[in-house]
Amino acid sequence: MKTILLALGFLPFLSFGQLTFGNEPAIGTTATLYLCDSNTVTYSNVTGNGVTWDYSDLLGVQGLTKTLSVDAIDPNTDDSLFTGATKKYSVGSLLTTYYNSDANLRISQGNIFSEPSLGTVFLKWNVDPQTLNTYPFALSNETNDVFDGSIVNANLFAPIDTFATGNSYSTIDGVGTLKLQQNDYNNVSRLNIKDTLNAVIYNAIFGVQNIQLIRNWYEYYDYSTSNLPIFVVISITLNSQLVNNSSTLVLSKDMPNGNLSLADNSIGLFNVFPNPANDVLNIETEGDFSVSVLNTNGEEIVSNLKSKSINVSNYNSGIYFVKLQNEKGVQVKKFIKR
């Protein structure tokens, strides 16, 4: 394993470990990261100066990749909904953040994101935009903000477009060494952004419903390597009276040394049938186990399920992965929903 060192002699000392307007990724910047096992630790308590985050043993998901990109606003698309934004930052197909920035602030006008239970969700902070962070932003700096706007979703119980409010907290909570699958990256800064979004909806079938979305994401930056993060962990949790769900996306710059086992008959932990499935997917296994279902974005649709029957009738047609874990190990198998 080689170690990537930051050549301090080529950088002003005061830029070390800081996010600044000057090192924001420019429009047109892209990076391809490997999709990794979402069932991993976040090291939420590993904070401060000189810390180590070790993901060197993290497994991939069948060599799948996702692209990070910063793009210009296209007024002929849904981008036009986010008035005031000058750039958009996309993390695969999971999350797009619309924002503008200057030497002092980075402000978000909203997001488009994919949530397994809801589908595509539009969050428009057109009343009071969200301040993501101030500049410069260094270790232990914090930004707190309250923001307002609307949540729009065509699949959440009934079509909605209603007022939403949120609060957010962001910080550089650690500077240190990030151990990935192929390299150790020194002088890495970790940005943590947490926000909670609340809305109340009403429809004739379910009446009044309180909706809460909690997003927590970690981005690891090594500016000697890229102005985009080299490692990302994003979690989205939905809380409501009718639907509760959480999903996690993990992306790494380095190619994993191995993948979650997919249909490896030599392991033989379980079988699934029928495949393809229309309504119910059955699991054949022995002993105690837990099952998760993931889509091709690596998002968990259900997690820690103990049943040998999974209702897939409401799933969109396409490819999914079943991940089973028991005392013998972890195995992943693919199935198709018709």
C-alpha atoms as a PDB file:
ATOM      1  CA  MET A   1       0.000   0.000   0.000  1.00  0.00           C
ATOM      2  CA  LYS A   2       1.469   3.335  -1.030  1.00  0.00           C
ATOM      3  CA  THR A   3       1.067   6.554   0.922  1.00  0.00           C
ATOM      4  CA  ILE A   4       0.052   9.811  -0.764  1.00  0.00           C
ATOM      5  CA  LEU A   5       1.651  12.806   0.933  1.00  0.00           C
ATOM      6  CA  LEU A   6       0.661  16.439   0.628  1.00  0.00           C
ATOM      7  CA  ALA A   7       3.573  18.508  -0.670  1.00  0.00           C
ATOM      8  CA  LEU A   8       3.307  21.419   1.730  1.00  0.00           C
ATOM      9  CA  GLY A   9       6.057  23.287  -0.036  1.00  0.00           C
ATOM     10  CA  PHE A  10       3.747  23.958  -2.960  1.00  0.00           C
ATOM     11  CA  LEU A  11       0.800  25.272  -0.920  1.00  0.00           C
ATOM     12  CA  PRO A  12       0.347  28.299   1.316  1.00  0.00           C
ATOM     13  CA  PHE A  13       0.364  27.055   4.891  1.00  0.00           C
ATOM     14  CA  LEU A  14      -2.892  28.799   5.765  1.00  0.00           C
ATOM     15  CA  SER A  15      -4.754  26.786   3.115  1.00  0.00           C
ATOM     16  CA  PHE A  16      -3.915  23.512   4.864  1.00  0.00           C
ATOM     17  CA  GLY A  17      -7.029  21.671   5.965  1.00  0.00           C
ATOM     18  CA  GLN A  18      -9.378  24.455   4.885  1.00  0.00           C
ATOM     19  CA  LEU A  19     -12.298  24.627   2.498  1.00  0.00           C
ATOM     20  CA  THR A  20     -12.144  27.939   0.654  1.00  0.00           C
ATOM     21  CA  PHE A  21     -13.885  29.575  -2.274  1.00  0.00           C
ATOM     22  CA  GLY A  22     -10.604  29.185  -4.130  1.00  0.00           C
ATOM     23  CA  ASN A  23     -10.525  25.389  -3.861  1.00  0.00           C
ATOM     24  CA  GLU A  24     -14.183  24.803  -4.701  1.00  0.00           C
ATOM     25  CA  PRO A  25     -14.462  22.484  -7.710  1.00  0.00           C
ATOM     26  CA  ALA A  26     -14.996  24.443 -10.917  1.00  0.00           C
ATOM     27  CA  ILE A  27     -17.831  23.826 -13.362  1.00  0.00           C
ATOM     28  CA  GLY A  28     -16.917  20.807 -15.450  1.00  0.00           C
ATOM     29  CA  THR A  29     -15.040  19.007 -12.667  1.00  0.00           C
ATOM     30  CA  THR A  30     -15.851  15.292 -12.416  1.00  0.00           C
ATOM     31  CA  ALA A  31     -14.632  12.260 -10.497  1.00  0.00           C
ATOM     32  CA  THR A  32     -15.549   8.585 -10.720  1.00  0.00           C
ATOM     33  CA  LEU A  33     -15.856   6.759  -7.401  1.00  0.00           C
ATOM     34  CA  TYR A  34     -16.490   3.092  -6.652  1.00  0.00           C
ATOM     35  CA  LEU A  35     -19.760   2.028  -5.063  1.00  0.00           C
ATOM     36  CA  CYS A  36     -19.024   0.288  -1.758  1.00  0.00           C
ATOM     37  CA  ASP A  37     -20.828  -1.763   0.863  1.00  0.00           C
ATOM     38  CA  SER A  38     -23.310   0.535   2.601  1.00  0.00           C
ATOM     39  CA  ASN A  39     -23.178  -1.583   5.753  1.00  0.00           C
ATOM     40  CA  THR A  40     -20.084   0.144   7.128  1.00  0.00           C
ATOM     41  CA  VAL A  41     -19.106   2.371  10.019  1.00  0.00           C
ATOM     42  CA  THR A  42     -19.233   6.166   9.724  1.00  0.00           C
ATOM     43  CA  TYR A  43     -16.562   6.904  12.355  1.00  0.00           C
ATOM     44  CA  SER A  44     -18.840   9.666  13.622  1.00  0.00           C
ATOM     45  CA  ASN A  45     -16.904   9.817  16.897  1.00  0.00           C
ATOM     46  CA  VAL A  46     -13.466   9.911  15.252  1.00  0.00           C
ATOM     47  CA  THR A  47     -12.947  13.668  15.223  1.00  0.00           C
ATOM     48  CA  GLY A  48     -10.235  16.215  15.857  1.00  0.00           C
ATOM     49  CA  ASN A  49      -6.702  16.741  14.592  1.00  0.00           C
ATOM     50  CA  GLY A  50      -4.398  13.871  13.630  1.00  0.00           C
ATOM     51  CA  VAL A  51      -7.117  11.192  13.519  1.00  0.00           C
ATOM     52  CA  THR A  52      -7.307   8.091  11.307  1.00  0.00           C
ATOM     53  CA  TRP A  53     -10.320   6.734   9.420  1.00  0.00           C
ATOM     54  CA  ASP A  54      -9.667   3.187   8.210  1.00  0.00           C
ATOM     55  CA  TYR A  55     -11.741   1.934   5.263  1.00  0.00           C
ATOM     56  CA  SER A  56      -8.951  -0.186   3.783  1.00  0.00           C
ATOM     57  CA  ASP A  57     -11.008  -3.407   4.014  1.00  0.00           C
ATOM     58  CA  LEU A  58     -14.221  -1.931   2.602  1.00  0.00           C
ATOM     59  CA  LEU A  59     -15.760  -4.124  -0.105  1.00  0.00           C
ATOM     60  CA  GLY A  60     -17.173  -2.913  -3.398  1.00  0.00           C
ATOM     61  CA  VAL A  61     -20.489  -3.715  -5.077  1.00  0.00           C
ATOM     62  CA  GLN A  62     -19.704  -5.642  -8.261  1.00  0.00           C
ATOM     63  CA  GLY A  63     -17.364  -2.992  -9.657  1.00  0.00           C
ATOM     64  CA  LEU A  64     -20.154  -0.427  -9.954  1.00  0.00           C
ATOM     65  CA  THR A  65     -19.153   3.238 -10.023  1.00  0.00           C
ATOM     66  CA  LYS A  66     -20.859   6.593  -9.542  1.00  0.00           C
ATOM     67  CA  THR A  67     -19.816   9.969 -10.884  1.00  0.00           C
ATOM     68  CA  LEU A  68     -19.423  13.165  -8.894  1.00  0.00           C
ATOM     69  CA  SER A  69     -19.802  16.266 -11.044  1.00  0.00           C
ATOM     70  CA  VAL A  70     -20.132  20.031 -10.861  1.00  0.00           C
ATOM     71  CA  ASP A  71     -22.150  21.473 -13.735  1.00  0.00           C
ATOM     72  CA  ALA A  72     -23.586  24.750 -14.936  1.00  0.00           C
ATOM     73  CA  ILE A  73     -27.286  25.473 -14.535  1.00  0.00           C
ATOM     74  CA  ASP A  74     -29.423  24.575 -17.557  1.00  0.00           C
ATOM     75  CA  PRO A  75     -32.498  26.859 -17.579  1.00  0.00           C
ATOM     76  CA  ASN A  76     -34.344  24.488 -19.923  1.00  0.00           C
ATOM     77  CA  THR A  77     -34.475  21.707 -17.314  1.00  0.00           C
ATOM     78  CA  ASP A  78     -35.592  21.286 -13.705  1.00  0.00           C
ATOM     79  CA  ASP A  79     -32.591  23.453 -12.827  1.00  0.00           C
ATOM     80  CA  SER A  80     -34.873  26.440 -13.460  1.00  0.00           C
ATOM     81  CA  LEU A  81     -36.782  25.619 -10.249  1.00  0.00           C
ATOM     82  CA  PHE A  82     -33.815  26.707  -8.131  1.00  0.00           C
ATOM     83  CA  THR A  83     -33.702  30.464  -8.576  1.00  0.00           C
ATOM     84  CA  GLY A  84     -30.366  32.005  -7.675  1.00  0.00           C
ATOM     85  CA  ALA A  85     -28.282  28.856  -8.119  1.00  0.00           C
ATOM     86  CA  THR A  86     -25.260  29.142 -10.400  1.00  0.00           C
ATOM     87  CA  LYS A  87     -23.909  25.581 -10.068  1.00  0.00           C
ATOM     88  CA  LYS A  88     -25.132  22.082  -9.297  1.00  0.00           C
ATOM     89  CA  TYR A  89     -23.186  19.337  -7.550  1.00  0.00           C
ATOM     90  CA  SER A  90     -24.368  15.799  -8.310  1.00  0.00           C
ATOM     91  CA  VAL A  91     -23.523  12.605  -6.433  1.00  0.00           C
ATOM     92  CA  GLY A  92     -24.449   9.898  -8.907  1.00  0.00           C
ATOM     93  CA  SER A  93     -28.206   9.830  -9.339  1.00  0.00           C
ATOM     94  CA  LEU A  94     -28.848  10.044  -5.602  1.00  0.00           C
ATOM     95  CA  LEU A  95     -28.450  13.723  -4.806  1.00  0.00           C
ATOM     96  CA  THR A  96     -28.060  16.992  -6.698  1.00  0.00           C
ATOM     97  CA  THR A  97     -27.380  20.152  -4.702  1.00  0.00           C
ATOM     98  CA  TYR A  98     -28.038  23.559  -6.257  1.00  0.00           C
ATOM     99  CA  TYR A  99     -25.932  26.395  -4.917  1.00  0.00           C
ATOM    100  CA  ASN A 100     -24.071  29.634  -5.395  1.00  0.00           C
ATOM    101  CA  SER A 101     -21.021  30.850  -3.525  1.00  0.00           C
ATOM    102  CA  ASP A 102     -18.580  33.686  -2.999  1.00  0.00           C
ATOM    103  CA  ALA A 103     -15.500  34.297  -0.880  1.00  0.00           C
ATOM    104  CA  ASN A 104     -17.601  34.255   2.313  1.00  0.00           C
ATOM    105  CA  LEU A 105     -20.459  31.762   1.921  1.00  0.00           C
ATOM    106  CA  ARG A 106     -21.766  28.702   0.106  1.00  0.00           C
ATOM    107  CA  ILE A 107     -25.572  28.839  -0.110  1.00  0.00           C
ATOM    108  CA  SER A 108     -27.948  26.140  -1.388  1.00  0.00           C
ATOM    109  CA  GLN A 109     -31.225  26.877  -3.167  1.00  0.00           C
ATOM    110  CA  GLY A 110     -32.332  23.260  -2.809  1.00  0.00           C
ATOM    111  CA  ASN A 111     -31.885  19.653  -3.876  1.00  0.00           C
ATOM    112  CA  ILE A 112     -33.234  16.909  -6.066  1.00  0.00           C
ATOM    113  CA  PHE A 113     -32.700  13.477  -4.572  1.00  0.00           C
ATOM    114  CA  SER A 114     -33.816   9.879  -4.897  1.00  0.00           C
ATOM    115  CA  GLU A 115     -35.280   8.123  -1.859  1.00  0.00           C
ATOM    116  CA  PRO A 116     -36.274   4.431  -2.113  1.00  0.00           C
ATOM    117  CA  SER A 117     -39.746   4.922  -0.591  1.00  0.00           C
ATOM    118  CA  LEU A 118     -40.560   8.245  -2.233  1.00  0.00           C
ATOM    119  CA  GLY A 119     -38.903   8.243  -5.618  1.00  0.00           C
ATOM    120  CA  THR A 120     -37.705  11.640  -6.829  1.00  0.00           C
ATOM    121  CA  VAL A 121     -38.047  14.466  -4.305  1.00  0.00           C
ATOM    122  CA  PHE A 122     -37.597  18.186  -4.973  1.00  0.00           C
ATOM    123  CA  LEU A 123     -36.576  20.395  -2.065  1.00  0.00           C
ATOM    124  CA  LYS A 124     -36.808  24.071  -3.037  1.00  0.00           C
ATOM    125  CA  TRP A 125     -35.437  26.578  -0.534  1.00  0.00           C
ATOM    126  CA  ASN A 126     -37.013  29.516  -2.352  1.00  0.00           C
ATOM    127  CA  VAL A 127     -38.170  31.351   0.791  1.00  0.00           C
ATOM    128  CA  ASP A 128     -34.934  31.275   2.775  1.00  0.00           C
ATOM    129  CA  PRO A 129     -31.952  29.435   1.207  1.00  0.00           C
ATOM    130  CA  GLN A 130     -29.743  27.061   3.195  1.00  0.00           C
ATOM    131  CA  THR A 131     -26.277  28.237   4.217  1.00  0.00           C
ATOM    132  CA  LEU A 132     -24.079  25.178   3.805  1.00  0.00           C
ATOM    133  CA  ASN A 133     -20.884  26.675   5.186  1.00  0.00           C
ATOM    134  CA  THR A 134     -18.879  29.854   5.537  1.00  0.00           C
ATOM    135  CA  TYR A 135     -15.469  30.474   3.939  1.00  0.00           C
ATOM    136  CA  PRO A 136     -12.769  29.816   4.891  1.00  0.00           C
ATOM    137  CA  PHE A 137     -13.944  26.662   6.689  1.00  0.00           C
ATOM    138  CA  ALA A 138     -11.343  24.849   8.793  1.00  0.00           C
ATOM    139  CA  LEU A 139     -11.113  22.307  11.609  1.00  0.00           C
ATOM    140  CA  SER A 140     -13.749  22.929  14.322  1.00  0.00           C
ATOM    141  CA  ASN A 141     -15.455  25.723  12.358  1.00  0.00           C
ATOM    142  CA  GLU A 142     -19.252  25.381  12.459  1.00  0.00           C
ATOM    143  CA  THR A 143     -22.224  26.749  10.535  1.00  0.00           C
ATOM    144  CA  ASN A 144     -25.820  26.551  11.807  1.00  0.00           C
ATOM    145  CA  ASP A 145     -28.781  27.643   9.707  1.00  0.00           C
ATOM    146  CA  VAL A 146     -32.578  27.595   9.490  1.00  0.00           C
ATOM    147  CA  PHE A 147     -34.087  27.537   5.991  1.00  0.00           C
ATOM    148  CA  ASP A 148     -37.560  27.422   4.397  1.00  0.00           C
ATOM    149  CA  GLY A 149     -39.232  26.557   1.135  1.00  0.00           C
ATOM    150  CA  SER A 150     -41.224  23.645  -0.242  1.00  0.00           C
ATOM    151  CA  ILE A 151     -41.090  19.887  -0.748  1.00  0.00           C
ATOM    152  CA  VAL A 152     -42.448  18.490  -4.006  1.00  0.00           C
ATOM    153  CA  ASN A 153     -43.030  14.790  -4.670  1.00  0.00           C
ATOM    154  CA  ALA A 154     -45.394  12.987  -7.027  1.00  0.00           C
ATOM    155  CA  ASN A 155     -45.254   9.601  -5.287  1.00  0.00           C
ATOM    156  CA  LEU A 156     -45.561  10.388  -1.584  1.00  0.00           C
ATOM    157  CA  PHE A 157     -49.057   9.028  -0.749  1.00  0.00           C
ATOM    158  CA  ALA A 158     -50.456  11.658  -3.143  1.00  0.00           C
ATOM    159  CA  PRO A 159     -48.871  14.420  -5.223  1.00  0.00           C
ATOM    160  CA  ILE A 160     -47.708  17.210  -2.919  1.00  0.00           C
ATOM    161  CA  ASP A 161     -46.204  20.648  -3.093  1.00  0.00           C
ATOM    162  CA  THR A 162     -46.208  22.021   0.413  1.00  0.00           C
ATOM    163  CA  PHE A 163     -44.282  24.278   2.759  1.00  0.00           C
ATOM    164  CA  ALA A 164     -41.222  22.784   4.420  1.00  0.00           C
ATOM    165  CA  THR A 165     -38.709  24.062   6.921  1.00  0.00           C
ATOM    166  CA  GLY A 166     -35.339  22.786   7.955  1.00  0.00           C
ATOM    167  CA  ASN A 167     -32.304  23.296  10.123  1.00  0.00           C
ATOM    168  CA  SER A 168     -28.741  22.360   9.315  1.00  0.00           C
ATOM    169  CA  TYR A 169     -25.350  22.029  10.940  1.00  0.00           C
ATOM    170  CA  SER A 170     -22.019  21.735   9.168  1.00  0.00           C
ATOM    171  CA  THR A 171     -18.455  21.440  10.420  1.00  0.00           C
ATOM    172  CA  ILE A 172     -14.978  20.279   9.537  1.00  0.00           C
ATOM    173  CA  ASP A 173     -14.901  17.696  12.309  1.00  0.00           C
ATOM    174  CA  GLY A 174     -11.563  16.041  11.589  1.00  0.00           C
ATOM    175  CA  VAL A 175      -8.206  16.350   9.860  1.00  0.00           C
ATOM    176  CA  GLY A 176      -5.962  13.320   9.492  1.00  0.00           C
ATOM    177  CA  THR A 177      -5.287  10.145   7.536  1.00  0.00           C
ATOM    178  CA  LEU A 178      -7.878   8.358   5.407  1.00  0.00           C
ATOM    179  CA  LYS A 179      -7.006   4.732   4.692  1.00  0.00           C
ATOM    180  CA  LEU A 180      -8.700   3.493   1.537  1.00  0.00           C
ATOM    181  CA  GLN A 181      -8.374   0.228  -0.305  1.00  0.00           C
ATOM    182  CA  GLN A 182      -5.238   1.081  -2.301  1.00  0.00           C
ATOM    183  CA  ASN A 183      -3.702   4.137  -0.619  1.00  0.00           C
ATOM    184  CA  ASP A 184      -3.314   6.089   2.583  1.00  0.00           C
ATOM    185  CA  TYR A 185      -4.224   9.762   2.118  1.00  0.00           C
ATOM    186  CA  ASN A 186      -2.682  12.180   4.599  1.00  0.00           C
ATOM    187  CA  ASN A 187      -3.873  15.682   5.510  1.00  0.00           C
ATOM    188  CA  VAL A 188      -7.493  14.845   4.672  1.00  0.00           C
ATOM    189  CA  SER A 189     -10.266  17.156   5.899  1.00  0.00           C
ATOM    190  CA  ARG A 190     -13.712  15.711   6.653  1.00  0.00           C
ATOM    191  CA  LEU A 191     -16.774  17.870   6.043  1.00  0.00           C
ATOM    192  CA  ASN A 192     -19.918  16.752   7.898  1.00  0.00           C
ATOM    193  CA  ILE A 193     -23.309  18.253   7.018  1.00  0.00           C
ATOM    194  CA  LYS A 194     -26.465  17.276   8.885  1.00  0.00           C
ATOM    195  CA  ASP A 195     -29.908  18.645   8.149  1.00  0.00           C
ATOM    196  CA  THR A 196     -33.443  17.874   9.269  1.00  0.00           C
ATOM    197  CA  LEU A 197     -36.420  18.771   7.080  1.00  0.00           C
ATOM    198  CA  ASN A 198     -40.026  18.904   8.280  1.00  0.00           C
ATOM    199  CA  ALA A 199     -43.326  19.215   6.418  1.00  0.00           C
ATOM    200  CA  VAL A 200     -47.020  18.561   7.039  1.00  0.00           C
ATOM    201  CA  ILE A 201     -49.138  17.194   4.201  1.00  0.00           C
ATOM    202  CA  TYR A 202     -52.810  16.375   3.848  1.00  0.00           C
ATOM    203  CA  ASN A 203     -54.751  14.137   1.496  1.00  0.00           C
ATOM    204  CA  ALA A 204     -58.248  12.688   1.546  1.00  0.00           C
ATOM    205  CA  ILE A 205     -57.104   9.101   2.148  1.00  0.00           C
ATOM    206  CA  PHE A 206     -54.560   9.443   4.955  1.00  0.00           C
ATOM    207  CA  GLY A 207     -55.449  12.829   6.431  1.00  0.00           C
ATOM    208  CA  VAL A 208     -52.729  14.924   8.045  1.00  0.00           C
ATOM    209  CA  GLN A 209     -49.241  13.426   7.821  1.00  0.00           C
ATOM    210  CA  ASN A 210     -46.047  14.712   9.407  1.00  0.00           C
ATOM    211  CA  ILE A 211     -42.994  14.069   7.242  1.00  0.00           C
ATOM    212  CA  GLN A 212     -39.402  14.311   8.446  1.00  0.00           C
ATOM    213  CA  LEU A 213     -36.277  13.805   6.347  1.00  0.00           C
ATOM    214  CA  ILE A 214     -32.890  13.556   8.034  1.00  0.00           C
ATOM    215  CA  ARG A 215     -29.770  13.739   5.895  1.00  0.00           C
ATOM    216  CA  ASN A 216     -26.268  13.170   7.206  1.00  0.00           C
ATOM    217  CA  TRP A 217     -23.297  13.159   4.884  1.00  0.00           C
ATOM    218  CA  TYR A 218     -19.542  12.995   5.221  1.00  0.00           C
ATOM    219  CA  GLU A 219     -17.166  14.167   2.511  1.00  0.00           C
ATOM    220  CA  TYR A 220     -13.417  13.569   2.744  1.00  0.00           C
ATOM    221  CA  TYR A 221     -11.198  16.071   0.910  1.00  0.00           C
ATOM    222  CA  ASP A 222      -7.555  15.744  -0.100  1.00  0.00           C
ATOM    223  CA  TYR A 223      -6.758  18.835  -2.151  1.00  0.00           C
ATOM    224  CA  SER A 224      -3.464  17.381  -3.340  1.00  0.00           C
ATOM    225  CA  THR A 225      -5.566  14.790  -5.191  1.00  0.00           C
ATOM    226  CA  SER A 226      -8.846  16.452  -6.184  1.00  0.00           C
ATOM    227  CA  ASN A 227     -11.099  19.410  -5.420  1.00  0.00           C
ATOM    228  CA  LEU A 228     -13.960  16.915  -5.211  1.00  0.00           C
ATOM    229  CA  PRO A 229     -14.215  14.530  -2.249  1.00  0.00           C
ATOM    230  CA  ILE A 230     -12.293  11.258  -2.496  1.00  0.00           C
ATOM    231  CA  PHE A 231     -14.629   9.396  -0.131  1.00  0.00           C
ATOM    232  CA  VAL A 232     -18.330   9.971   0.552  1.00  0.00           C
ATOM    233  CA  VAL A 233     -20.870   8.530   2.999  1.00  0.00           C
ATOM    234  CA  ILE A 234     -24.453   9.820   2.625  1.00  0.00           C
ATOM    235  CA  SER A 235     -27.389   8.639   4.751  1.00  0.00           C
ATOM    236  CA  ILE A 236     -31.026   9.669   4.239  1.00  0.00           C
ATOM    237  CA  THR A 237     -33.740   8.734   6.750  1.00  0.00           C
ATOM    238  CA  LEU A 238     -37.480   9.180   6.226  1.00  0.00           C
ATOM    239  CA  ASN A 239     -39.808   9.299   9.237  1.00  0.00           C
ATOM    240  CA  SER A 240     -43.602   9.462   8.900  1.00  0.00           C
ATOM    241  CA  GLN A 241     -46.741   7.810  10.233  1.00  0.00           C
ATOM    242  CA  LEU A 242     -46.980   5.525   7.202  1.00  0.00           C
ATOM    243  CA  VAL A 243     -43.465   5.069   5.832  1.00  0.00           C
ATOM    244  CA  ASN A 244     -40.139   4.798   7.625  1.00  0.00           C
ATOM    245  CA  ASN A 245     -36.980   4.069   5.714  1.00  0.00           C
ATOM    246  CA  SER A 246     -33.260   4.754   5.652  1.00  0.00           C
ATOM    247  CA  SER A 247     -30.691   4.422   2.882  1.00  0.00           C
ATOM    248  CA  THR A 248     -26.929   4.872   2.733  1.00  0.00           C
ATOM    249  CA  LEU A 249     -24.559   5.497  -0.160  1.00  0.00           C
ATOM    250  CA  VAL A 250     -20.799   4.884   0.207  1.00  0.00           C
ATOM    251  CA  LEU A 251     -18.341   5.892  -2.528  1.00  0.00           C
ATOM    252  CA  SER A 252     -14.553   5.541  -2.659  1.00  0.00           C
ATOM    253  CA  LYS A 253     -11.890   6.904  -4.998  1.00  0.00           C
ATOM    254  CA  ASP A 254      -9.898   3.683  -4.662  1.00  0.00           C
ATOM    255  CA  MET A 255     -10.851   0.413  -6.305  1.00  0.00           C
ATOM    256  CA  PRO A 256     -11.919  -2.095  -3.637  1.00  0.00           C
ATOM    257  CA  ASN A 257      -9.757  -5.182  -3.228  1.00  0.00           C
ATOM    258  CA  GLY A 258     -12.861  -7.356  -3.296  1.00  0.00           C
ATOM    259  CA  ASN A 259     -16.602  -7.253  -3.847  1.00  0.00           C
ATOM    260  CA  LEU A 260     -19.595  -8.437  -1.914  1.00  0.00           C
ATOM    261  CA  SER A 261     -20.197 -11.976  -3.089  1.00  0.00           C
ATOM    262  CA  LEU A 262     -22.822 -12.119  -5.819  1.00  0.00           C
ATOM    263  CA  ALA A 263     -24.406 -15.521  -6.524  1.00  0.00           C
ATOM    264  CA  ASP A 264     -21.303 -17.377  -5.362  1.00  0.00           C
ATOM    265  CA  ASN A 265     -22.525 -20.977  -5.171  1.00  0.00           C
ATOM    266  CA  SER A 266     -19.385 -22.054  -3.356  1.00  0.00           C
ATOM    267  CA  ILE A 267     -20.570 -20.091  -0.338  1.00  0.00           C
ATOM    268  CA  GLY A 268     -24.155 -21.260  -0.598  1.00  0.00           C
ATOM    269  CA  LEU A 269     -25.603 -19.128   2.193  1.00  0.00           C
ATOM    270  CA  PHE A 270     -29.011 -18.790   0.533  1.00  0.00           C
ATOM    271  CA  ASN A 271     -31.105 -18.959  -2.615  1.00  0.00           C
ATOM    272  CA  VAL A 272     -33.885 -16.700  -3.893  1.00  0.00           C
ATOM    273  CA  PHE A 273     -36.952 -17.692  -5.930  1.00  0.00           C
ATOM    274  CA  PRO A 274     -38.813 -17.062  -8.136  1.00  0.00           C
ATOM    275  CA  ASN A 275     -36.363 -14.998 -10.135  1.00  0.00           C
ATOM    276  CA  PRO A 276     -37.640 -12.889 -11.875  1.00  0.00           C
ATOM    277  CA  ALA A 277     -40.291 -12.080  -9.250  1.00  0.00           C
ATOM    278  CA  ASN A 278     -43.636 -10.314  -9.560  1.00  0.00           C
ATOM    279  CA  ASP A 279     -45.076 -10.023  -6.059  1.00  0.00           C
ATOM    280  CA  VAL A 280     -43.139 -12.068  -3.495  1.00  0.00           C
ATOM    281  CA  LEU A 281     -39.475 -13.051  -3.406  1.00  0.00           C
ATOM    282  CA  ASN A 282     -38.741 -16.109  -1.272  1.00  0.00           C
ATOM    283  CA  ILE A 283     -35.482 -16.804   0.550  1.00  0.00           C
ATOM    284  CA  GLU A 284     -34.177 -20.301   1.163  1.00  0.00           C
ATOM    285  CA  THR A 285     -31.626 -20.466   3.981  1.00  0.00           C
ATOM    286  CA  GLU A 286     -30.959 -22.041   7.373  1.00  0.00           C
ATOM    287  CA  GLY A 287     -30.441 -20.623  10.844  1.00  0.00           C
ATOM    288  CA  ASP A 288     -30.627 -17.025  12.008  1.00  0.00           C
ATOM    289  CA  PHE A 289     -30.101 -14.346   9.385  1.00  0.00           C
ATOM    290  CA  SER A 290     -30.818 -10.761   8.403  1.00  0.00           C
ATOM    291  CA  VAL A 291     -31.616  -9.553   4.896  1.00  0.00           C
ATOM    292  CA  SER A 292     -31.354  -6.210   3.125  1.00  0.00           C
ATOM    293  CA  VAL A 293     -32.548  -5.280  -0.362  1.00  0.00           C
ATOM    294  CA  LEU A 294     -30.527  -2.760  -2.368  1.00  0.00           C
ATOM    295  CA  ASN A 295     -31.192  -1.054  -5.680  1.00  0.00           C
ATOM    296  CA  THR A 296     -28.504  -0.437  -8.294  1.00  0.00           C
ATOM    297  CA  ASN A 297     -27.598   2.869  -6.624  1.00  0.00           C
ATOM    298  CA  GLY A 298     -26.558   0.927  -3.531  1.00  0.00           C
ATOM    299  CA  GLU A 299     -29.506   2.325  -1.559  1.00  0.00           C
ATOM    300  CA  GLU A 300     -31.141   0.015   0.978  1.00  0.00           C
ATOM    301  CA  ILE A 301     -34.871  -0.342   0.317  1.00  0.00           C
ATOM    302  CA  VAL A 302     -35.366  -2.604   3.335  1.00  0.00           C
ATOM    303  CA  SER A 303     -32.823  -3.539   5.981  1.00  0.00           C
ATOM    304  CA  ASN A 304     -32.401  -6.065   8.806  1.00  0.00           C
ATOM    305  CA  LEU A 305     -35.375  -8.122   7.639  1.00  0.00           C
ATOM    306  CA  LYS A 306     -35.755 -11.531   9.322  1.00  0.00           C
ATOM    307  CA  SER A 307     -38.502 -12.921   7.088  1.00  0.00           C
ATOM    308  CA  LYS A 308     -38.053 -15.542   4.351  1.00  0.00           C
ATOM    309  CA  SER A 309     -40.623 -13.760   2.174  1.00  0.00           C
ATOM    310  CA  ILE A 310     -40.174 -10.240   0.803  1.00  0.00           C
ATOM    311  CA  ASN A 311     -43.085  -8.317  -0.699  1.00  0.00           C
ATOM    312  CA  VAL A 312     -41.718  -6.740  -3.886  1.00  0.00           C
ATOM    313  CA  SER A 313     -45.074  -5.905  -5.488  1.00  0.00           C
ATOM    314  CA  ASN A 314     -44.515  -2.151  -5.084  1.00  0.00           C
ATOM    315  CA  TYR A 315     -40.960  -2.181  -6.444  1.00  0.00           C
ATOM    316  CA  ASN A 316     -40.315  -0.623  -9.821  1.00  0.00           C
ATOM    317  CA  SER A 317     -39.327  -3.084 -12.524  1.00  0.00           C
ATOM    318  CA  GLY A 318     -35.587  -3.608 -12.731  1.00  0.00           C
ATOM    319  CA  ILE A 319     -32.537  -5.154 -11.080  1.00  0.00           C
ATOM    320  CA  TYR A 320     -32.100  -5.426  -7.298  1.00  0.00           C
ATOM    321  CA  PHE A 321     -29.672  -7.090  -4.904  1.00  0.00           C
ATOM    322  CA  VAL A 322     -30.493  -9.182  -1.825  1.00  0.00           C
ATOM    323  CA  LYS A 323     -27.784  -9.119   0.838  1.00  0.00           C
ATOM    324  CA  LEU A 324     -27.981 -11.868   3.479  1.00  0.00           C
ATOM    325  CA  GLN A 325     -25.802 -11.987   6.559  1.00  0.00           C
ATOM    326  CA  ASN A 326     -25.521 -14.852   9.033  1.00  0.00           C
ATOM    327  CA  GLU A 327     -22.899 -16.500  11.218  1.00  0.00           C
ATOM    328  CA  LYS A 328     -21.146 -17.885   8.120  1.00  0.00           C
ATOM    329  CA  GLY A 329     -20.655 -14.541   6.412  1.00  0.00           C
ATOM    330  CA  VAL A 330     -22.264 -12.168   3.914  1.00  0.00           C
ATOM    331  CA  GLN A 331     -23.545 -12.961   0.434  1.00  0.00           C
ATOM    332  CA  VAL A 332     -25.317 -10.892  -2.212  1.00  0.00           C
ATOM    333  CA  LYS A 333     -27.564 -12.207  -4.975  1.00  0.00           C
ATOM    334  CA  LYS A 334     -29.215 -10.414  -7.848  1.00  0.00           C
ATOM    335  CA  PHE A 335     -32.894 -10.666  -8.695  1.00  0.00           C
ATOM    336  CA  ILE A 336     -35.138  -9.057 -11.270  1.00  0.00           C
ATOM    337  CA  LYS A 337     -38.491  -7.443 -10.502  1.00  0.00           C
ATOM    338  CA  ARG A 338     -40.870  -7.763 -13.424  1.00  0.00           C
END
